[in-house]
PDB file of N, CA and C in Angstrom:
ATOM      1  N   MET A   1     -28.013  -6.110  -0.792  1.00  0.00           N
ATOM      2  CA  MET A   1     -28.092  -5.458   0.052  1.00  0.00           C
ATOM      3  C   MET A   1     -26.586  -4.474  -0.015  1.00  0.00           C
ATOM      4  N   ALA A   2     -25.741  -5.412  -0.750  1.00  0.00           N
ATOM      5  CA  ALA A   2     -24.357  -4.731  -0.665  1.00  0.00           C
ATOM      6  C   ALA A   2     -24.513  -3.309  -1.908  1.00  0.00           C
ATOM      7  N   GLN A   3     -25.187  -3.723  -2.740  1.00  0.00           N
ATOM      8  CA  GLN A   3     -25.300  -2.610  -3.377  1.00  0.00           C
ATOM      9  C   GLN A   3     -25.832  -1.211  -3.129  1.00  0.00           C
ATOM     10  N   ARG A   4     -26.442  -0.969  -1.810  1.00  0.00           N
ATOM     11  CA  ARG A   4     -26.763  -0.144  -1.309  1.00  0.00           C
ATOM     12  C   ARG A   4     -25.914   0.286  -0.460  1.00  0.00           C
ATOM     13  N   CYS A   5     -24.715  -0.332  -0.090  1.00  0.00           N
ATOM     14  CA  CYS A   5     -23.676  -0.021   1.291  1.00  0.00           C
ATOM     15  C   CYS A   5     -22.727   0.753   0.383  1.00  0.00           C
ATOM     16  N   PHE A   6     -22.307   0.388  -1.014  1.00  0.00           N
ATOM     17  CA  PHE A   6     -21.389   1.235  -1.678  1.00  0.00           C
ATOM     18  C   PHE A   6     -22.082   1.904  -2.505  1.00  0.00           C
ATOM     19  N   ALA A   7     -21.361   3.505  -2.676  1.00  0.00           N
ATOM     20  CA  ALA A   7     -21.639   4.568  -4.116  1.00  0.00           C
ATOM     21  C   ALA A   7     -20.943   3.991  -5.087  1.00  0.00           C
ATOM     22  N   THR A   8     -21.248   3.355  -5.914  1.00  0.00           N
ATOM     23  CA  THR A   8     -20.652   2.943  -7.266  1.00  0.00           C
ATOM     24  C   THR A   8     -19.843   4.327  -7.790  1.00  0.00           C
ATOM     25  N   GLN A   9     -20.732   5.617  -7.852  1.00  0.00           N
ATOM     26  CA  GLN A   9     -20.335   6.952  -8.521  1.00  0.00           C
ATOM     27  C   GLN A   9     -19.293   7.412  -7.298  1.00  0.00           C
ATOM     28  N   LEU A  10     -18.731   7.079  -6.570  1.00  0.00           N
ATOM     29  CA  LEU A  10     -17.934   7.929  -5.915  1.00  0.00           C
ATOM     30  C   LEU A  10     -16.988   6.801  -5.252  1.00  0.00           C
ATOM     31  N   ASN A  11     -17.058   5.417  -5.326  1.00  0.00           N
ATOM     32  CA  ASN A  11     -16.382   4.775  -5.061  1.00  0.00           C
ATOM     33  C   ASN A  11     -15.888   4.473  -3.583  1.00  0.00           C
ATOM     34  N   ARG A  12     -17.002   4.530  -2.840  1.00  0.00           N
ATOM     35  CA  ARG A  12     -17.063   5.279  -1.294  1.00  0.00           C
ATOM     36  C   ARG A  12     -18.023   3.665  -0.807  1.00  0.00           C
ATOM     37  N   ILE A  13     -17.668   3.606   0.451  1.00  0.00           N
ATOM     38  CA  ILE A  13     -18.568   2.753   1.327  1.00  0.00           C
ATOM     39  C   ILE A  13     -19.494   3.674   1.793  1.00  0.00           C
ATOM     40  N   GLY A  14     -20.981   3.745   1.296  1.00  0.00           N
ATOM     41  CA  GLY A  14     -22.118   4.617   1.893  1.00  0.00           C
ATOM     42  C   GLY A  14     -22.426   4.510   3.258  1.00  0.00           C
ATOM     43  N   ASP A  15     -23.429   5.350   3.605  1.00  0.00           N
ATOM     44  CA  ASP A  15     -23.701   5.558   4.947  1.00  0.00           C
ATOM     45  C   ASP A  15     -24.466   4.560   5.199  1.00  0.00           C
ATOM     46  N   GLU A  16     -24.944   4.122   4.781  1.00  0.00           N
ATOM     47  CA  GLU A  16     -26.022   2.571   4.596  1.00  0.00           C
ATOM     48  C   GLU A  16     -25.700   1.566   5.458  1.00  0.00           C
ATOM     49  N   LEU A  17     -24.180   1.321   5.338  1.00  0.00           N
ATOM     50  CA  LEU A  17     -23.586   0.157   5.978  1.00  0.00           C
ATOM     51  C   LEU A  17     -24.395   0.036   7.509  1.00  0.00           C
ATOM     52  N   PRO A  18     -24.606  -1.183   7.763  1.00  0.00           N
ATOM     53  CA  PRO A  18     -24.794  -1.627   8.986  1.00  0.00           C
ATOM     54  C   PRO A  18     -23.778  -1.377  10.178  1.00  0.00           C
ATOM     55  N   THR A  19     -24.139  -0.931  11.184  1.00  0.00           N
ATOM     56  CA  THR A  19     -23.191  -0.581  11.931  1.00  0.00           C
ATOM     57  C   THR A  19     -22.200  -1.626  12.404  1.00  0.00           C
ATOM     58  N   GLU A  20     -22.837  -2.678  12.512  1.00  0.00           N
ATOM     59  CA  GLU A  20     -21.800  -4.129  13.030  1.00  0.00           C
ATOM     60  C   GLU A  20     -20.869  -4.162  12.366  1.00  0.00           C
ATOM     61  N   TYR A  21     -20.663  -3.520  10.936  1.00  0.00           N
ATOM     62  CA  TYR A  21     -19.545  -3.649   9.865  1.00  0.00           C
ATOM     63  C   TYR A  21     -18.660  -2.214   9.892  1.00  0.00           C
ATOM     64  N   GLY A  22     -18.872  -1.399  11.334  1.00  0.00           N
ATOM     65  CA  GLY A  22     -18.412  -0.480  11.548  1.00  0.00           C
ATOM     66  C   GLY A  22     -18.362   1.100  11.132  1.00  0.00           C
ATOM     67  N   LYS A  23     -18.100   2.450  11.025  1.00  0.00           N
ATOM     68  CA  LYS A  23     -18.313   3.659  10.324  1.00  0.00           C
ATOM     69  C   LYS A  23     -17.854   3.651   8.992  1.00  0.00           C
ATOM     70  N   ALA A  24     -18.942   4.132   8.266  1.00  0.00           N
ATOM     71  CA  ALA A  24     -18.146   3.746   6.661  1.00  0.00           C
ATOM     72  C   ALA A  24     -17.072   4.692   6.857  1.00  0.00           C
ATOM     73  N   GLY A  25     -17.663   6.059   7.004  1.00  0.00           N
ATOM     74  CA  GLY A  25     -16.208   7.160   7.032  1.00  0.00           C
ATOM     75  C   GLY A  25     -14.853   6.612   7.511  1.00  0.00           C
ATOM     76  N   ASP A  26     -15.034   5.992   8.693  1.00  0.00           N
ATOM     77  CA  ASP A  26     -13.731   5.070   9.272  1.00  0.00           C
ATOM     78  C   ASP A  26     -12.959   4.284   8.036  1.00  0.00           C
ATOM     79  N   LEU A  27     -14.337   3.553   7.938  1.00  0.00           N
ATOM     80  CA  LEU A  27     -13.616   2.508   6.893  1.00  0.00           C
ATOM     81  C   LEU A  27     -13.204   3.248   5.238  1.00  0.00           C
ATOM     82  N   ASN A  28     -13.731   4.115   5.239  1.00  0.00           N
ATOM     83  CA  ASN A  28     -13.113   4.618   3.565  1.00  0.00           C
ATOM     84  C   ASN A  28     -12.031   5.301   4.180  1.00  0.00           C
ATOM     85  N   LYS A  29     -11.663   5.738   4.919  1.00  0.00           N
ATOM     86  CA  LYS A  29     -10.323   6.559   5.572  1.00  0.00           C
ATOM     87  C   LYS A  29      -9.309   5.570   5.570  1.00  0.00           C
ATOM     88  N   GLU A  30      -9.483   4.184   6.010  1.00  0.00           N
ATOM     89  CA  GLU A  30      -8.525   3.207   5.808  1.00  0.00           C
ATOM     90  C   GLU A  30      -8.280   2.833   4.893  1.00  0.00           C
ATOM     91  N   ILE A  31      -9.220   2.578   3.814  1.00  0.00           N
ATOM     92  CA  ILE A  31      -9.234   1.982   2.711  1.00  0.00           C
ATOM     93  C   ILE A  31      -8.418   2.891   1.732  1.00  0.00           C
ATOM     94  N   GLN A  32      -8.178   4.398   2.034  1.00  0.00           N
ATOM     95  CA  GLN A  32      -7.534   5.758   1.540  1.00  0.00           C
ATOM     96  C   GLN A  32      -6.048   5.459   1.769  1.00  0.00           C
ATOM     97  N   ARG A  33      -5.758   5.304   2.620  1.00  0.00           N
ATOM     98  CA  ARG A  33      -4.667   5.098   3.860  1.00  0.00           C
ATOM     99  C   ARG A  33      -3.899   3.642   3.138  1.00  0.00           C
ATOM    100  N   GLN A  34      -4.719   2.518   2.774  1.00  0.00           N
ATOM    101  CA  GLN A  34      -3.723   1.553   2.319  1.00  0.00           C
ATOM    102  C   GLN A  34      -3.555   1.550   0.747  1.00  0.00           C
ATOM    103  N   LEU A  35      -4.519   2.456   0.445  1.00  0.00           N
ATOM    104  CA  LEU A  35      -4.108   2.604  -1.372  1.00  0.00           C
ATOM    105  C   LEU A  35      -2.836   3.164  -1.579  1.00  0.00           C
ATOM    106  N   ARG A  36      -2.764   4.531  -0.525  1.00  0.00           N
ATOM    107  CA  ARG A  36      -1.382   5.427  -0.732  1.00  0.00           C
ATOM    108  C   ARG A  36      -0.131   4.454  -0.535  1.00  0.00           C
ATOM    109  N   LEU A  37      -0.454   3.626   0.791  1.00  0.00           N
ATOM    110  CA  LEU A  37       0.378   2.787   1.140  1.00  0.00           C
ATOM    111  C   LEU A  37       1.110   2.220  -0.155  1.00  0.00           C
ATOM    112  N   ALA A  38       0.305   1.277  -0.527  1.00  0.00           N
ATOM    113  CA  ALA A  38       0.438   0.561  -1.805  1.00  0.00           C
ATOM    114  C   ALA A  38       1.104   1.585  -2.965  1.00  0.00           C
ATOM    115  N   GLU A  39       0.362   2.352  -3.091  1.00  0.00           N
ATOM    116  CA  GLU A  39       1.011   3.543  -4.458  1.00  0.00           C
ATOM    117  C   GLU A  39       2.485   3.822  -3.766  1.00  0.00           C
ATOM    118  N   ASP A  40       3.270   4.198  -2.671  1.00  0.00           N
ATOM    119  CA  ASP A  40       4.201   4.555  -2.322  1.00  0.00           C
ATOM    120  C   ASP A  40       5.491   3.367  -2.395  1.00  0.00           C
ATOM    121  N   ILE A  41       4.736   1.952  -2.096  1.00  0.00           N
ATOM    122  CA  ILE A  41       5.458   1.112  -2.093  1.00  0.00           C
ATOM    123  C   ILE A  41       6.402   0.902  -3.596  1.00  0.00           C
ATOM    124  N   ILE A  42       5.104   0.796  -4.240  1.00  0.00           N
ATOM    125  CA  ILE A  42       5.170   0.825  -5.813  1.00  0.00           C
ATOM    126  C   ILE A  42       5.980   1.642  -6.657  1.00  0.00           C
ATOM    127  N   SER A  43       5.718   2.835  -6.152  1.00  0.00           N
ATOM    128  CA  SER A  43       6.732   4.013  -6.417  1.00  0.00           C
ATOM    129  C   SER A  43       8.101   4.015  -6.132  1.00  0.00           C
ATOM    130  N   PHE A  44       8.180   3.446  -4.785  1.00  0.00           N
ATOM    131  CA  PHE A  44       9.635   2.842  -4.250  1.00  0.00           C
ATOM    132  C   PHE A  44      10.305   1.805  -5.000  1.00  0.00           C
ATOM    133  N   GLY A  45       9.465   0.980  -5.336  1.00  0.00           N
ATOM    134  CA  GLY A  45      10.414  -0.066  -6.351  1.00  0.00           C
ATOM    135  C   GLY A  45      10.538   0.241  -7.609  1.00  0.00           C
ATOM    136  N   LEU A  46       9.810   1.141  -8.054  1.00  0.00           N
ATOM    137  CA  LEU A  46       9.999   1.879  -9.493  1.00  0.00           C
ATOM    138  C   LEU A  46      11.838   2.685  -9.652  1.00  0.00           C
ATOM    139  N   GLU A  47      11.515   3.572  -8.627  1.00  0.00           N
ATOM    140  CA  GLU A  47      12.591   4.557  -8.520  1.00  0.00           C
ATOM    141  C   GLU A  47      13.715   3.674  -7.941  1.00  0.00           C
ATOM    142  N   ASN A  48      13.652   2.616  -7.432  1.00  0.00           N
ATOM    143  CA  ASN A  48      15.193   1.825  -7.188  1.00  0.00           C
ATOM    144  C   ASN A  48      15.354   0.809  -8.199  1.00  0.00           C
ATOM    145  N   LYS A  49      14.395   0.722  -9.058  1.00  0.00           N
ATOM    146  CA  LYS A  49      14.574  -0.282 -10.028  1.00  0.00           C
ATOM    147  C   LYS A  49      14.782  -1.827  -9.668  1.00  0.00           C
ATOM    148  N   LEU A  50      13.751  -1.966  -8.699  1.00  0.00           N
ATOM    149  CA  LEU A  50      13.589  -3.278  -7.852  1.00  0.00           C
ATOM    150  C   LEU A  50      13.197  -4.662  -9.344  1.00  0.00           C
ATOM    151  N   GLY A  51      12.866  -4.450 -10.474  1.00  0.00           N
ATOM    152  CA  GLY A  51      12.489  -5.347 -10.947  1.00  0.00           C
ATOM    153  C   GLY A  51      10.979  -5.301 -11.100  1.00  0.00           C
ATOM    154  N   ASN A  52      10.125  -6.233 -11.155  1.00  0.00           N
ATOM    155  CA  ASN A  52       8.660  -6.260 -11.107  1.00  0.00           C
ATOM    156  C   ASN A  52       8.187  -5.400  -9.676  1.00  0.00           C
ATOM    157  N   PRO A  53       7.426  -4.425 -10.116  1.00  0.00           N
ATOM    158  CA  PRO A  53       6.837  -3.902  -9.404  1.00  0.00           C
ATOM    159  C   PRO A  53       5.870  -4.546  -8.762  1.00  0.00           C
ATOM    160  N   VAL A  54       5.048  -5.363  -9.355  1.00  0.00           N
ATOM    161  CA  VAL A  54       3.751  -6.096  -8.901  1.00  0.00           C
ATOM    162  C   VAL A  54       4.200  -6.669  -7.347  1.00  0.00           C
ATOM    163  N   ALA A  55       5.402  -7.611  -7.898  1.00  0.00           N
ATOM    164  CA  ALA A  55       5.804  -8.665  -7.088  1.00  0.00           C
ATOM    165  C   ALA A  55       6.724  -7.959  -5.745  1.00  0.00           C
ATOM    166  N   PHE A  56       7.191  -6.910  -6.095  1.00  0.00           N
ATOM    167  CA  PHE A  56       7.680  -6.142  -4.938  1.00  0.00           C
ATOM    168  C   PHE A  56       6.627  -5.512  -4.260  1.00  0.00           C
ATOM    169  N   VAL A  57       5.536  -5.030  -4.731  1.00  0.00           N
ATOM    170  CA  VAL A  57       4.421  -4.716  -3.527  1.00  0.00           C
ATOM    171  C   VAL A  57       3.635  -5.847  -2.918  1.00  0.00           C
ATOM    172  N   ARG A  58       3.645  -7.028  -4.003  1.00  0.00           N
ATOM    173  CA  ARG A  58       2.998  -8.198  -3.328  1.00  0.00           C
ATOM    174  C   ARG A  58       3.818  -8.693  -1.956  1.00  0.00           C
ATOM    175  N   GLU A  59       5.165  -8.662  -2.001  1.00  0.00           N
ATOM    176  CA  GLU A  59       6.057  -9.399  -0.910  1.00  0.00           C
ATOM    177  C   GLU A  59       6.247  -8.165   0.080  1.00  0.00           C
ATOM    178  N   LYS A  60       5.869  -6.836  -0.477  1.00  0.00           N
ATOM    179  CA  LYS A  60       6.161  -6.043   1.077  1.00  0.00           C
ATOM    180  C   LYS A  60       4.804  -5.467   1.451  1.00  0.00           C
ATOM    181  N   PHE A  61       3.801  -5.362   1.034  1.00  0.00           N
ATOM    182  CA  PHE A  61       2.383  -4.978   1.388  1.00  0.00           C
ATOM    183  C   PHE A  61       2.168  -5.451   2.680  1.00  0.00           C
ATOM    184  N   LYS A  62       1.943  -4.569   3.493  1.00  0.00           N
ATOM    185  CA  LYS A  62       0.782  -5.405   4.661  1.00  0.00           C
ATOM    186  C   LYS A  62       0.060  -4.347   5.362  1.00  0.00           C
ATOM    187  N   PRO A  63      -1.274  -4.556   5.349  1.00  0.00           N
ATOM    188  CA  PRO A  63      -2.209  -3.190   6.152  1.00  0.00           C
ATOM    189  C   PRO A  63      -1.694  -2.750   6.992  1.00  0.00           C
ATOM    190  N   LYS A  64      -0.527  -3.136   8.238  1.00  0.00           N
ATOM    191  CA  LYS A  64      -0.150  -2.099   8.957  1.00  0.00           C
ATOM    192  C   LYS A  64       1.373  -1.769   8.777  1.00  0.00           C
ATOM    193  N   PHE A  65       1.762  -1.673   7.689  1.00  0.00           N
ATOM    194  CA  PHE A  65       3.279  -1.558   6.987  1.00  0.00           C
ATOM    195  C   PHE A  65       3.296  -0.199   7.383  1.00  0.00           C
ATOM    196  N   GLU A  66       4.636  -0.115   7.884  1.00  0.00           N
ATOM    197  CA  GLU A  66       4.867   1.317   8.159  1.00  0.00           C
ATOM    198  C   GLU A  66       6.099   1.776   6.878  1.00  0.00           C
ATOM    199  N   LEU A  67       5.649   2.838   6.279  1.00  0.00           N
ATOM    200  CA  LEU A  67       6.619   3.402   5.182  1.00  0.00           C
ATOM    201  C   LEU A  67       7.684   3.843   5.701  1.00  0.00           C
ATOM    202  N   PRO A  68       8.154   4.339   6.845  1.00  0.00           N
ATOM    203  CA  PRO A  68       9.678   4.614   7.056  1.00  0.00           C
ATOM    204  C   PRO A  68      10.473   2.564   6.808  1.00  0.00           C
ATOM    205  N   ASN A  69       9.712   2.087   7.369  1.00  0.00           N
ATOM    206  CA  ASN A  69      10.513   0.415   6.881  1.00  0.00           C
ATOM    207  C   ASN A  69      11.245   0.877   5.417  1.00  0.00           C
ATOM    208  N   LEU A  70      10.542   1.115   4.272  1.00  0.00           N
ATOM    209  CA  LEU A  70      11.063   1.137   3.376  1.00  0.00           C
ATOM    210  C   LEU A  70      12.637   1.796   2.815  1.00  0.00           C
ATOM    211  N   LYS A  71      12.888   2.702   3.954  1.00  0.00           N
ATOM    212  CA  LYS A  71      14.715   3.455   4.288  1.00  0.00           C
ATOM    213  C   LYS A  71      15.659   2.122   4.246  1.00  0.00           C
ATOM    214  N   ASN A  72      15.034   1.280   5.055  1.00  0.00           N
ATOM    215  CA  ASN A  72      15.881   0.139   5.504  1.00  0.00           C
ATOM    216  C   ASN A  72      16.063  -1.000   4.215  1.00  0.00           C
ATOM    217  N   GLU A  73      15.231  -0.656   3.055  1.00  0.00           N
ATOM    218  CA  GLU A  73      15.215  -1.538   2.036  1.00  0.00           C
ATOM    219  C   GLU A  73      16.473  -0.705   1.094  1.00  0.00           C
ATOM    220  N   THR A  74      16.405   0.876   1.319  1.00  0.00           N
ATOM    221  CA  THR A  74      17.282   1.355   1.111  1.00  0.00           C
ATOM    222  C   THR A  74      18.593   1.270   1.162  1.00  0.00           C
ATOM    223  N   ILE A  75      18.628   1.060   2.295  1.00  0.00           N
ATOM    224  CA  ILE A  75      20.267   0.991   3.035  1.00  0.00           C
ATOM    225  C   ILE A  75      21.073  -0.256   2.373  1.00  0.00           C
ATOM    226  N   CYS A  76      20.055  -1.676   2.317  1.00  0.00           N
ATOM    227  CA  CYS A  76      20.045  -2.827   1.780  1.00  0.00           C
ATOM    228  C   CYS A  76      20.484  -2.992   0.542  1.00  0.00           C
ATOM    229  N   ILE A  77      19.891  -2.435  -0.185  1.00  0.00           N
ATOM    230  CA  ILE A  77      20.028  -1.981  -1.835  1.00  0.00           C
ATOM    231  C   ILE A  77      21.522  -1.443  -1.977  1.00  0.00           C
ATOM    232  N   GLU A  78      21.994   0.015  -1.424  1.00  0.00           N
ATOM    233  CA  GLU A  78      23.100   0.291  -1.686  1.00  0.00           C
ATOM    234  C   GLU A  78      24.067  -0.286  -1.571  1.00  0.00           C
ATOM    235  N   GLN A  79      24.141  -1.502   0.027  1.00  0.00           N
ATOM    236  CA  GLN A  79      25.027  -2.379   0.837  1.00  0.00           C
ATOM    237  C   GLN A  79      25.394  -3.302  -0.941  1.00  0.00           C
ATOM    238  N   ASN A  80      24.153  -3.964  -1.338  1.00  0.00           N
ATOM    239  CA  ASN A  80      24.263  -5.012  -2.335  1.00  0.00           C
ATOM    240  C   ASN A  80      25.289  -4.144  -3.566  1.00  0.00           C
ATOM    241  N   LYS A  81      24.853  -3.057  -3.561  1.00  0.00           N
ATOM    242  CA  LYS A  81      25.497  -2.384  -4.826  1.00  0.00           C
ATOM    243  C   LYS A  81      26.874  -2.383  -4.667  1.00  0.00           C
ATOM    244  N   LEU A  82      27.000  -1.910  -3.464  1.00  0.00           N
ATOM    245  CA  LEU A  82      28.805  -1.530  -3.225  1.00  0.00           C
ATOM    246  C   LEU A  82      29.065  -3.075  -3.302  1.00  0.00           C
ATOM    247  N   LYS A  83      28.810  -4.297  -2.525  1.00  0.00           N
ATOM    248  CA  LYS A  83      29.208  -5.428  -2.656  1.00  0.00           C
ATOM    249  C   LYS A  83      29.260  -5.851  -4.240  1.00  0.00           C
ATOM    250  N   LYS A  84      28.736  -5.585  -5.155  1.00  0.00           N
ATOM    251  CA  LYS A  84      28.939  -6.295  -6.271  1.00  0.00           C
ATOM    252  C   LYS A  84      30.174  -5.633  -7.330  1.00  0.00           C
ATOM    253  N   ASN A  85      29.728  -3.997  -6.938  1.00  0.00           N
ATOM    254  CA  ASN A  85      30.675  -3.287  -7.439  1.00  0.00           C
ATOM    255  C   ASN A  85      32.391  -3.642  -7.065  1.00  0.00           C
ATOM    256  N   SER A  86      32.246  -4.045  -5.597  1.00  0.00           N
ATOM    257  CA  SER A  86      33.925  -4.368  -5.367  1.00  0.00           C
ATOM    258  C   SER A  86      34.417  -5.658  -5.813  1.00  0.00           C
ATOM    259  N   CYS A  87      33.596  -6.281  -6.370  1.00  0.00           N
ATOM    260  CA  CYS A  87      34.004  -7.819  -6.925  1.00  0.00           C
ATOM    261  C   CYS A  87      34.972  -7.625  -8.035  1.00  0.00           C
TER     262      CYS A  87
END
């Protein structure tokens, strides 16, 4: 049954998904949103040279994570850089 519910060529949940699991379209949108979120977190880690991007995304990613929270990370990073330079 799992084969019928997933459109392999499209990498999407198919419309044949039983309704008890939710609407295929809604689930596909949520998967896409979470994928973009993970990509944005990785990009942030790379742009700010935060070391291992995989470890960074594992630490930060949560399905309900708010992307603007990464701005707080930037502030902390800048403050840490200033502290290191003043020593």
